[in-house]
Amino acid sequence: MKRVEFDEQAYAERSRTGPCFICRMLAGDPEFRHEIVYRDEHHVVFLDRYPTLLGKLLVAPVRHREDVIGDFTEETSAALWHVVHRAGAALKESVPTERIYVLSLGSNSGNSHVHVHVAALPPGVPYDRQQTAALLWESAGLLEVPAEETARIAGQLQAALAPGPNHLDVVRPSADAAQGMPDRRVREFAETAVGRVSTWTDVSWARKGSRVWRARGTEGGEWFVKVHRNDRSHDREVTAYRTWVPALGAAVPRLVAADTGLRAVVVTAMGGRSLQGAVHPPRQQRRIFRRIGRLAASIHHSAPPRPGTGTPPLGKLERHLDGARAHLVPGDEEFIRAIAGTAATLPAVEEVPTHGDFQLRNLRWDPDAGDLFLIDFERSEEGPAVRDLVRLSDAWHGRPDLRAAFMQGYGRALTVAEEATLTVLSVLDAVSGISYGSAHSDPELVERGRRALARLRSAPCL
């Protein structure tokens, strides 16, 4: 890499007289193309086309805003700076870093769209060449980065910024949390939607990041209030509720209200009890699994299928293997790599709406009415239908009658391509679960992943 002089006068002229470069970039104008490494409904992160430091990023709201204070509420400002924090953390993982610089510039006369610069000062830079001297073209010069190096850094940033369980929450725990209540802002949001709430009950799953409350109103109504752990989970759940979920009718909750800034939703309450750990006679179990099969079919037919996009995601396999290796038995890693190696040859299968976490924990059964309910859509996205069988398969291991009952309710057998895709997705999910469970002291995830690998190794064709 080398540094060259930059024509600041020509750049300033383009900035003052040309269109908003961020809006044009988001509109897909090739003249304003940048390497986007993260985007959600409200924010975008992209590589600076004219960097003075390797990997320099810009973080901006998707909506054109010009006043970094006046055009933002406290909530939307917190959401933007949350993304800035994540971008800085991702940059530190991707390039050598001594210190992260963060600053908001721009002008009403040009480059007015709010954007935040996030830059990594590399180790060993003399003091007199740090700070503004490292950021200004006139002192540092333009850093010419080869295309292959840009692609490498962009790939690392995209992987680091992909939503996961360790992202910071916009709504942070407060003293109210110790009393089983949500944050004041979440309570105000919920009560604006449903009226006064007399009782809050924390019903969060006993895992880091799960934040759910049962809210009982003064008039006797009941709702659930949920704060998502990251932007992607919130966007996926809200999108599902607003698109395909209503097609499932009474089997699913209804979205009452959503707040992107808080990453919070209010949904109607559902009856029944979770099927996780529930004990039923074999005949009743088969009846339930037939109903689960019918419900899965309804999900997968709730919107027209689209052509498959190809290979299952393998980008995080090495990282997950590193985290899971201590819990693998001899032959596991070789098996995992062999199955992952088949992914590139898999025929594409159609993509449909999927729940993404279709397992007994999220299925509720009312034995008196014989009704089945489904909750929790934060992992919902389009994908192969068998994505919803990855975790459910654990429930019928050793019980071919339950699998047969499910398939009877589903209404068709899996194709050969779907069976192969299911095997690959199941292996990837098992390794991811073991890695995450090991890092976060979650023995159930570790054991489920180990059990899945043992099952897959003994019977690769599920």
Protein backbone atom coordinates (compact mmCIF):
# COMPACT_ATOMS: atom_id res chain seq x y z
CA MET A 1 0.00 0.00 0.00
CA LYS A 2 1.17 3.52 -0.72
CA ARG A 3 0.05 7.06 -0.02
CA VAL A 4 -0.71 9.54 -2.78
CA GLU A 5 -1.80 13.15 -2.98
CA PHE A 6 -5.54 13.76 -2.98
CA ASP A 7 -7.29 16.47 -5.00
CA GLU A 8 -9.19 18.06 -2.12
CA GLN A 9 -10.36 21.03 -4.22
CA ALA A 10 -12.15 18.76 -6.73
CA TYR A 11 -13.62 16.71 -3.88
CA ALA A 12 -14.93 19.83 -2.13
CA GLU A 13 -16.52 21.03 -5.36
CA ARG A 14 -18.31 17.68 -5.85
CA SER A 15 -19.49 17.76 -2.24
CA ARG A 16 -20.95 21.25 -2.53
CA THR A 17 -22.60 20.92 -5.95
CA GLY A 18 -23.36 17.21 -6.27
CA PRO A 19 -26.12 15.07 -4.77
CA CYS A 20 -25.96 13.49 -1.32
CA PHE A 21 -23.42 10.71 -1.76
CA ILE A 22 -24.96 8.55 0.97
CA CYS A 23 -28.47 8.75 -0.45
CA ARG A 24 -27.14 8.03 -3.95
CA MET A 25 -25.10 5.08 -2.63
CA LEU A 26 -28.17 3.64 -0.91
CA ALA A 27 -30.16 4.12 -4.12
CA GLY A 28 -27.66 1.89 -5.94
CA ASP A 29 -26.06 4.61 -8.09
CA PRO A 30 -22.80 3.00 -9.38
CA GLU A 31 -21.06 6.39 -9.43
CA PHE A 32 -21.40 6.53 -5.64
CA ARG A 33 -20.73 2.89 -4.87
CA HIS A 34 -19.04 2.09 -1.55
CA GLU A 35 -18.27 -1.24 0.09
CA ILE A 36 -21.19 -1.70 2.51
CA VAL A 37 -20.29 -3.98 5.43
CA TYR A 38 -23.49 -3.70 7.47
CA ARG A 39 -27.00 -2.45 6.92
CA ASP A 40 -30.24 -2.70 8.84
CA GLU A 41 -33.54 -0.87 8.49
CA HIS A 42 -32.16 2.36 9.96
CA HIS A 43 -28.36 2.36 9.67
CA VAL A 44 -25.58 1.64 7.20
CA VAL A 45 -21.85 1.06 7.70
CA PHE A 46 -19.46 1.27 4.75
CA LEU A 47 -15.78 1.61 3.91
CA ASP A 48 -14.52 5.12 3.17
CA ARG A 49 -13.58 5.38 -0.53
CA TYR A 50 -10.90 7.94 0.31
CA PRO A 51 -9.25 6.63 3.49
CA THR A 52 -6.18 7.92 5.27
CA LEU A 53 -6.18 4.86 7.57
CA LEU A 54 -6.71 1.23 6.68
CA GLY A 55 -10.30 0.05 7.05
CA LYS A 56 -11.70 3.51 7.84
CA LEU A 57 -15.49 3.30 8.17
CA LEU A 58 -18.43 5.65 7.91
CA VAL A 59 -21.63 5.02 9.90
CA ALA A 60 -24.80 6.82 8.83
CA PRO A 61 -28.56 6.74 9.30
CA VAL A 62 -30.39 5.42 6.25
CA ARG A 63 -32.83 8.31 6.42
CA HIS A 64 -31.34 11.65 5.32
CA ARG A 65 -30.70 13.58 8.55
CA GLU A 66 -28.49 16.68 8.77
CA ASP A 67 -28.43 17.69 12.45
CA VAL A 68 -26.62 15.15 14.59
CA ILE A 69 -28.55 16.42 17.64
CA GLY A 70 -31.74 18.11 16.45
CA ASP A 71 -32.74 15.43 13.92
CA PHE A 72 -32.51 12.61 16.46
CA THR A 73 -34.45 11.64 19.56
CA GLU A 74 -32.57 10.20 22.51
CA GLU A 75 -33.63 6.73 21.38
CA THR A 76 -32.62 7.09 17.72
CA SER A 77 -29.34 8.74 18.72
CA ALA A 78 -28.62 5.85 21.09
CA ALA A 79 -29.39 3.40 18.30
CA LEU A 80 -26.96 5.15 15.92
CA TRP A 81 -24.16 5.25 18.48
CA HIS A 82 -24.81 1.64 19.31
CA VAL A 83 -23.98 0.84 15.67
CA VAL A 84 -20.91 3.10 15.88
CA HIS A 85 -19.71 1.12 18.90
CA ARG A 86 -20.21 -2.15 17.06
CA ALA A 87 -18.42 -0.80 14.00
CA GLY A 88 -15.43 0.25 16.13
CA ALA A 89 -15.30 -3.16 17.80
CA ALA A 90 -15.46 -4.88 14.41
CA LEU A 91 -12.71 -2.65 13.03
CA LYS A 92 -10.43 -3.56 15.95
CA GLU A 93 -10.94 -7.22 15.07
CA SER A 94 -10.13 -6.61 11.39
CA VAL A 95 -7.04 -4.36 11.27
CA PRO A 96 -4.04 -3.72 13.60
CA THR A 97 -5.25 -1.11 16.08
CA GLU A 98 -3.68 0.98 18.82
CA ARG A 99 -6.62 3.35 19.23
CA ILE A 100 -10.05 3.92 17.65
CA TYR A 101 -10.95 7.44 16.52
CA VAL A 102 -14.64 8.44 16.31
CA LEU A 103 -15.89 11.81 15.05
CA SER A 104 -18.85 13.39 13.27
CA LEU A 105 -18.06 16.00 10.62
CA GLY A 106 -19.91 17.24 7.51
CA SER A 107 -21.25 20.65 6.57
CA ASN A 108 -24.57 22.25 5.69
CA SER A 109 -22.87 23.29 2.44
CA GLY A 110 -21.80 19.77 1.45
CA ASN A 111 -21.75 16.21 2.80
CA SER A 112 -24.68 17.28 4.99
CA HIS A 113 -26.04 13.75 5.57
CA VAL A 114 -25.04 12.85 9.14
CA HIS A 115 -22.18 10.38 9.14
CA VAL A 116 -19.72 9.26 11.79
CA HIS A 117 -16.09 8.49 10.95
CA VAL A 118 -14.65 5.41 12.67
CA ALA A 119 -10.91 4.96 12.09
CA ALA A 120 -8.22 2.69 13.52
CA LEU A 121 -4.82 4.19 14.35
CA PRO A 122 -2.28 1.42 13.79
CA PRO A 123 0.40 0.67 16.41
CA GLY A 124 3.74 2.49 16.20
CA VAL A 125 2.64 5.80 14.67
CA PRO A 126 4.76 8.69 16.08
CA TYR A 127 2.81 11.07 18.30
CA ASP A 128 3.12 14.03 15.93
CA ARG A 129 1.44 11.94 13.17
CA GLN A 130 -1.47 10.76 15.31
CA GLN A 131 -4.94 12.29 15.90
CA THR A 132 -5.96 14.83 13.22
CA ALA A 133 -2.61 14.41 11.43
CA ALA A 134 -3.52 10.77 10.79
CA LEU A 135 -6.98 11.67 9.49
CA LEU A 136 -6.43 14.63 7.19
CA TRP A 137 -5.54 14.17 3.53
CA GLU A 138 -3.25 17.21 3.59
CA SER A 139 -1.05 15.71 6.28
CA ALA A 140 -1.49 11.95 5.83
CA GLY A 141 -2.24 11.65 2.13
CA LEU A 142 -4.73 9.25 0.53
CA LEU A 143 -4.05 5.60 1.33
CA GLU A 144 -4.32 3.46 -1.81
CA VAL A 145 -5.59 0.04 -0.76
CA PRO A 146 -5.43 -2.85 -3.27
CA ALA A 147 -8.82 -4.25 -4.25
CA GLU A 148 -8.03 -7.68 -2.80
CA GLU A 149 -7.09 -6.13 0.57
CA THR A 150 -10.29 -4.08 0.55
CA ALA A 151 -12.29 -7.26 -0.14
CA ARG A 152 -10.51 -9.10 2.67
CA ILE A 153 -11.20 -6.35 5.22
CA ALA A 154 -14.80 -5.98 4.05
CA GLY A 155 -15.35 -9.71 4.50
CA GLN A 156 -13.93 -9.64 8.03
CA LEU A 157 -16.02 -6.62 8.94
CA GLN A 158 -19.18 -8.19 7.55
CA ALA A 159 -18.54 -11.34 9.59
CA ALA A 160 -17.80 -9.36 12.75
CA LEU A 161 -20.87 -7.15 12.32
CA ALA A 162 -23.21 -10.05 11.59
CA PRO A 163 -25.82 -10.09 14.40
CA GLY A 164 -24.99 -12.43 17.25
CA PRO A 165 -25.56 -12.93 20.94
CA ASN A 166 -22.83 -10.56 22.16
CA HIS A 167 -24.17 -7.29 20.74
CA LEU A 168 -24.86 -4.54 23.24
CA ASP A 169 -28.46 -3.77 24.12
CA VAL A 170 -29.88 -0.34 23.33
CA VAL A 171 -32.02 -0.53 26.47
CA ARG A 172 -29.65 -1.35 29.28
CA PRO A 173 -30.56 -3.07 32.56
CA SER A 174 -31.59 -0.66 35.28
CA ALA A 175 -32.59 -0.83 38.92
CA ASP A 176 -36.03 -1.84 37.69
CA ALA A 177 -34.57 -5.06 36.29
CA ALA A 178 -33.71 -6.23 39.78
CA GLN A 179 -37.41 -5.92 40.62
CA GLY A 180 -38.49 -7.96 37.58
CA MET A 181 -39.65 -4.87 35.67
CA PRO A 182 -38.54 -3.53 32.29
CA ASP A 183 -36.83 -0.20 31.85
CA ARG A 184 -39.00 2.89 32.34
CA ARG A 185 -38.95 3.70 28.62
CA VAL A 186 -40.14 0.20 27.77
CA ARG A 187 -42.95 0.45 30.32
CA GLU A 188 -44.05 3.79 28.90
CA PHE A 189 -43.98 2.38 25.36
CA ALA A 190 -46.07 -0.64 26.39
CA GLU A 191 -48.62 1.38 28.34
CA THR A 192 -49.03 3.77 25.43
CA ALA A 193 -49.96 0.75 23.33
CA VAL A 194 -52.23 -1.20 25.72
CA GLY A 195 -53.12 1.08 28.63
CA ARG A 196 -52.10 0.94 32.26
CA VAL A 197 -50.29 -2.20 33.37
CA SER A 198 -50.87 -3.36 36.93
CA THR A 199 -48.47 -6.33 37.07
CA TRP A 200 -45.15 -7.04 35.36
CA THR A 201 -43.79 -10.58 35.53
CA ASP A 202 -40.32 -11.40 34.21
CA VAL A 203 -40.66 -14.55 32.11
CA SER A 204 -37.30 -14.25 30.35
CA TRP A 205 -35.58 -17.40 29.21
CA ALA A 206 -32.69 -18.19 31.56
CA ARG A 207 -30.09 -17.18 28.99
CA LYS A 208 -28.22 -13.95 28.54
CA GLY A 209 -30.08 -11.58 26.27
CA SER A 210 -33.59 -12.98 26.67
CA ARG A 211 -35.81 -10.18 28.01
CA VAL A 212 -39.52 -10.88 28.07
CA TRP A 213 -42.24 -9.77 30.47
CA ARG A 214 -45.88 -10.71 30.92
CA ALA A 215 -47.89 -7.51 31.34
CA ARG A 216 -51.33 -7.66 32.96
CA GLY A 217 -53.51 -4.60 32.48
CA THR A 218 -55.72 -2.95 35.06
CA GLU A 219 -58.74 -4.10 33.04
CA GLY A 220 -57.59 -7.72 33.00
CA GLY A 221 -55.93 -7.92 29.59
CA GLU A 222 -52.64 -9.76 29.12
CA TRP A 223 -49.75 -9.14 26.71
CA PHE A 224 -46.10 -9.99 26.35
CA VAL A 225 -43.43 -7.31 26.05
CA LYS A 226 -40.08 -8.23 24.56
CA VAL A 227 -36.80 -6.34 24.13
CA HIS A 228 -34.58 -7.86 21.46
CA ARG A 229 -30.88 -8.40 21.99
CA ASN A 230 -29.85 -6.82 18.69
CA ASP A 231 -31.17 -4.91 15.68
CA ARG A 232 -31.36 -7.92 13.40
CA SER A 233 -33.48 -9.93 15.83
CA HIS A 234 -35.88 -7.01 16.17
CA ASP A 235 -36.10 -6.43 12.42
CA ARG A 236 -36.67 -10.11 11.68
CA GLU A 237 -39.43 -10.52 14.26
CA VAL A 238 -41.27 -7.34 13.31
CA THR A 239 -40.99 -8.14 9.60
CA ALA A 240 -42.39 -11.63 10.19
CA TYR A 241 -45.35 -10.26 12.17
CA ARG A 242 -46.08 -7.73 9.44
CA THR A 243 -45.81 -10.13 6.51
CA TRP A 244 -46.39 -13.88 6.70
CA VAL A 245 -47.23 -14.57 10.36
CA PRO A 246 -50.86 -13.31 10.13
CA ALA A 247 -51.56 -16.12 7.63
CA LEU A 248 -51.26 -18.59 10.55
CA GLY A 249 -54.33 -17.12 12.22
CA ALA A 250 -55.08 -18.03 15.83
CA ALA A 251 -51.96 -20.21 16.13
CA VAL A 252 -49.70 -17.17 16.60
CA PRO A 253 -49.65 -13.91 18.57
CA ARG A 254 -50.61 -10.60 17.00
CA LEU A 255 -48.20 -7.66 16.93
CA VAL A 256 -49.70 -4.80 18.95
CA ALA A 257 -46.84 -2.30 18.77
CA ALA A 258 -43.14 -2.06 17.90
CA ASP A 259 -40.46 0.52 18.69
CA THR A 260 -37.25 0.29 16.68
CA GLY A 261 -35.33 2.68 18.91
CA LEU A 262 -36.01 0.53 21.97
CA ARG A 263 -35.95 -2.70 19.94
CA ALA A 264 -39.16 -3.59 21.77
CA VAL A 265 -42.44 -5.23 20.78
CA VAL A 266 -45.80 -5.82 22.43
CA VAL A 267 -47.68 -8.95 21.31
CA THR A 268 -50.88 -10.64 22.38
CA ALA A 269 -50.70 -13.49 24.86
CA MET A 270 -51.14 -17.12 23.80
CA GLY A 271 -52.64 -20.06 25.63
CA GLY A 272 -51.28 -23.52 26.31
CA ARG A 273 -48.00 -24.65 27.84
CA SER A 274 -44.59 -25.07 26.28
CA LEU A 275 -43.98 -28.53 24.86
CA GLN A 276 -40.42 -28.51 26.14
CA GLY A 277 -40.23 -31.07 28.90
CA ALA A 278 -43.93 -31.88 28.63
CA VAL A 279 -44.94 -35.52 29.15
CA HIS A 280 -47.78 -37.01 27.08
CA PRO A 281 -48.84 -40.59 26.28
CA PRO A 282 -47.40 -41.90 22.98
CA ARG A 283 -50.70 -41.62 21.16
CA GLN A 284 -51.10 -38.01 22.24
CA GLN A 285 -47.49 -37.30 21.24
CA ARG A 286 -48.14 -38.54 17.74
CA ARG A 287 -51.24 -36.38 17.53
CA ILE A 288 -49.23 -33.35 18.61
CA PHE A 289 -46.48 -34.02 16.08
CA ARG A 290 -49.02 -34.32 13.28
CA ARG A 291 -50.29 -30.90 14.30
CA ILE A 292 -46.71 -29.59 14.35
CA GLY A 293 -46.27 -30.91 10.81
CA ARG A 294 -49.42 -29.12 9.65
CA LEU A 295 -48.26 -25.92 11.30
CA ALA A 296 -44.85 -26.18 9.59
CA ALA A 297 -46.57 -26.66 6.25
CA SER A 298 -48.69 -23.56 6.89
CA ILE A 299 -45.53 -21.54 7.60
CA HIS A 300 -43.83 -22.73 4.44
CA HIS A 301 -46.90 -22.02 2.31
CA SER A 302 -47.61 -18.60 3.81
CA ALA A 303 -45.87 -16.90 0.87
CA PRO A 304 -44.90 -18.02 -2.64
CA PRO A 305 -41.55 -19.85 -2.79
CA ARG A 306 -38.56 -18.20 -4.38
CA PRO A 307 -35.60 -19.78 -6.18
CA GLY A 308 -32.85 -20.88 -3.81
CA THR A 309 -29.77 -18.72 -3.45
CA GLY A 310 -27.32 -21.61 -3.19
CA THR A 311 -24.71 -22.71 -0.66
CA PRO A 312 -25.48 -22.82 3.09
CA PRO A 313 -23.48 -20.26 5.12
CA LEU A 314 -19.99 -21.49 6.00
CA GLY A 315 -18.30 -18.19 6.85
CA LYS A 316 -18.19 -18.75 10.61
CA LEU A 317 -17.31 -22.46 10.57
CA GLU A 318 -13.65 -22.06 11.54
CA ARG A 319 -14.47 -19.70 14.40
CA HIS A 320 -17.17 -22.03 15.69
CA LEU A 321 -14.87 -25.04 15.39
CA ASP A 322 -12.26 -23.23 17.49
CA GLY A 323 -14.87 -22.59 20.16
CA ALA A 324 -16.30 -26.11 20.06
CA ARG A 325 -13.13 -28.19 19.70
CA ALA A 326 -12.71 -28.91 23.42
CA HIS A 327 -16.11 -30.64 23.45
CA LEU A 328 -15.70 -32.72 20.29
CA VAL A 329 -14.95 -36.42 20.36
CA PRO A 330 -12.47 -38.15 18.03
CA GLY A 331 -13.76 -38.09 14.48
CA ASP A 332 -16.18 -35.20 15.02
CA GLU A 333 -14.05 -32.52 13.37
CA GLU A 334 -13.31 -34.72 10.36
CA PHE A 335 -17.02 -35.46 10.01
CA ILE A 336 -17.93 -31.78 10.31
CA ARG A 337 -15.43 -30.77 7.64
CA ALA A 338 -16.54 -33.58 5.34
CA ILE A 339 -20.20 -32.55 5.57
CA ALA A 340 -19.34 -28.86 5.18
CA GLY A 341 -17.34 -29.78 2.10
CA THR A 342 -20.48 -31.11 0.43
CA ALA A 343 -22.24 -27.74 0.74
CA ALA A 344 -20.80 -26.38 -2.50
CA THR A 345 -22.27 -29.28 -4.48
CA LEU A 346 -25.77 -29.12 -3.02
CA PRO A 347 -28.52 -28.41 -5.55
CA ALA A 348 -30.40 -25.22 -4.74
CA VAL A 349 -33.72 -25.71 -2.98
CA GLU A 350 -36.60 -23.24 -2.93
CA GLU A 351 -36.69 -20.62 -0.21
CA VAL A 352 -39.81 -19.98 1.82
CA PRO A 353 -40.68 -18.19 5.07
CA THR A 354 -39.14 -20.08 7.99
CA HIS A 355 -39.50 -19.69 11.74
CA GLY A 356 -35.78 -20.30 12.29
CA ASP A 357 -36.07 -21.61 15.87
CA PHE A 358 -38.76 -24.21 15.34
CA GLN A 359 -38.38 -26.39 18.42
CA LEU A 360 -40.53 -27.61 21.30
CA ARG A 361 -39.57 -24.65 23.50
CA ASN A 362 -41.42 -22.28 21.14
CA LEU A 363 -44.44 -24.53 20.59
CA ARG A 364 -47.33 -24.41 23.06
CA TRP A 365 -50.07 -27.00 23.44
CA ASP A 366 -53.51 -26.63 25.02
CA PRO A 367 -54.60 -30.21 25.81
CA ASP A 368 -58.16 -29.23 26.67
CA ALA A 369 -58.86 -27.43 23.40
CA GLY A 370 -56.38 -29.44 21.34
CA ASP A 371 -54.83 -26.21 20.07
CA LEU A 372 -51.21 -25.67 19.05
CA PHE A 373 -49.51 -22.27 19.23
CA LEU A 374 -46.18 -20.90 18.02
CA ILE A 375 -44.20 -17.98 19.49
CA ASP A 376 -40.85 -16.17 19.07
CA PHE A 377 -40.08 -15.09 15.49
CA GLU A 378 -36.77 -13.27 16.00
CA ARG A 379 -34.84 -15.80 13.89
CA SER A 380 -37.40 -15.78 11.11
CA GLU A 381 -36.17 -15.31 7.55
CA GLU A 382 -36.55 -16.83 4.13
CA GLY A 383 -34.59 -20.02 3.61
CA PRO A 384 -34.93 -23.72 2.80
CA ALA A 385 -38.00 -25.24 4.45
CA VAL A 386 -35.76 -27.80 6.19
CA ARG A 387 -34.24 -24.95 8.20
CA ASP A 388 -37.21 -25.49 10.51
CA LEU A 389 -36.39 -29.16 10.98
CA VAL A 390 -32.83 -28.63 12.20
CA ARG A 391 -33.71 -28.23 15.89
CA LEU A 392 -37.00 -30.07 15.78
CA SER A 393 -35.17 -33.24 14.65
CA ASP A 394 -33.76 -33.60 18.16
CA ALA A 395 -37.29 -34.09 19.49
CA TRP A 396 -37.91 -37.25 17.46
CA HIS A 397 -34.48 -38.85 17.78
CA GLY A 398 -35.09 -42.50 18.62
CA ARG A 399 -38.81 -42.05 17.92
CA PRO A 400 -39.41 -42.78 14.23
CA ASP A 401 -43.14 -42.76 14.95
CA LEU A 402 -42.94 -39.05 15.86
CA ARG A 403 -41.03 -38.23 12.71
CA ALA A 404 -43.58 -40.19 10.68
CA ALA A 405 -46.41 -38.32 12.41
CA PHE A 406 -44.76 -34.97 11.63
CA MET A 407 -44.27 -35.87 7.97
CA GLN A 408 -47.88 -37.06 7.75
CA GLY A 409 -49.02 -33.67 9.01
CA TYR A 410 -46.53 -31.90 6.77
CA GLY A 411 -48.15 -33.54 3.79
CA ARG A 412 -45.12 -34.63 1.80
CA ALA A 413 -41.74 -36.32 2.08
CA LEU A 414 -38.50 -34.38 1.87
CA THR A 415 -36.68 -34.40 -1.45
CA VAL A 416 -33.16 -35.82 -1.73
CA ALA A 417 -31.82 -32.27 -2.03
CA GLU A 418 -33.70 -31.22 1.10
CA GLU A 419 -32.37 -34.20 3.07
CA ALA A 420 -28.81 -33.28 2.08
CA THR A 421 -29.38 -29.61 2.93
CA LEU A 422 -30.84 -30.59 6.30
CA THR A 423 -27.73 -32.59 7.14
CA VAL A 424 -25.42 -29.67 6.34
CA LEU A 425 -27.54 -27.15 8.25
CA SER A 426 -27.79 -29.50 11.23
CA VAL A 427 -24.02 -29.94 11.41
CA LEU A 428 -23.44 -26.18 11.23
CA ASP A 429 -26.08 -25.54 13.91
CA ALA A 430 -24.56 -28.19 16.18
CA VAL A 431 -21.06 -26.70 15.99
CA SER A 432 -22.40 -23.16 16.47
CA GLY A 433 -24.43 -24.27 19.50
CA ILE A 434 -21.48 -26.03 21.14
CA SER A 435 -19.23 -23.02 20.56
CA TYR A 436 -21.76 -20.53 21.90
CA GLY A 437 -22.75 -22.76 24.83
CA SER A 438 -19.13 -23.26 25.80
CA ALA A 439 -18.38 -19.53 25.71
CA HIS A 440 -21.51 -18.59 27.66
CA SER A 441 -21.68 -21.43 30.21
CA ASP A 442 -24.82 -22.91 28.66
CA PRO A 443 -24.55 -26.67 29.16
CA GLU A 444 -27.87 -27.40 27.44
CA LEU A 445 -26.66 -25.93 24.16
CA VAL A 446 -23.39 -27.85 24.40
CA GLU A 447 -25.14 -31.12 25.10
CA ARG A 448 -27.72 -30.61 22.37
CA GLY A 449 -24.96 -29.92 19.86
CA ARG A 450 -22.99 -33.00 20.91
CA ARG A 451 -26.13 -35.10 20.74
CA ALA A 452 -26.88 -33.81 17.25
CA LEU A 453 -23.38 -34.66 16.01
CA ALA A 454 -23.61 -38.17 17.43
CA ARG A 455 -27.00 -38.64 15.78
CA LEU A 456 -25.78 -37.28 12.45
CA ARG A 457 -22.64 -39.41 12.46
CA SER A 458 -24.64 -42.59 13.12
CA ALA A 459 -27.33 -41.79 10.57
CA PRO A 460 -26.23 -39.05 8.15
CA CYS A 461 -29.53 -39.26 6.29
CA LEU A 462 -32.06 -37.81 8.73
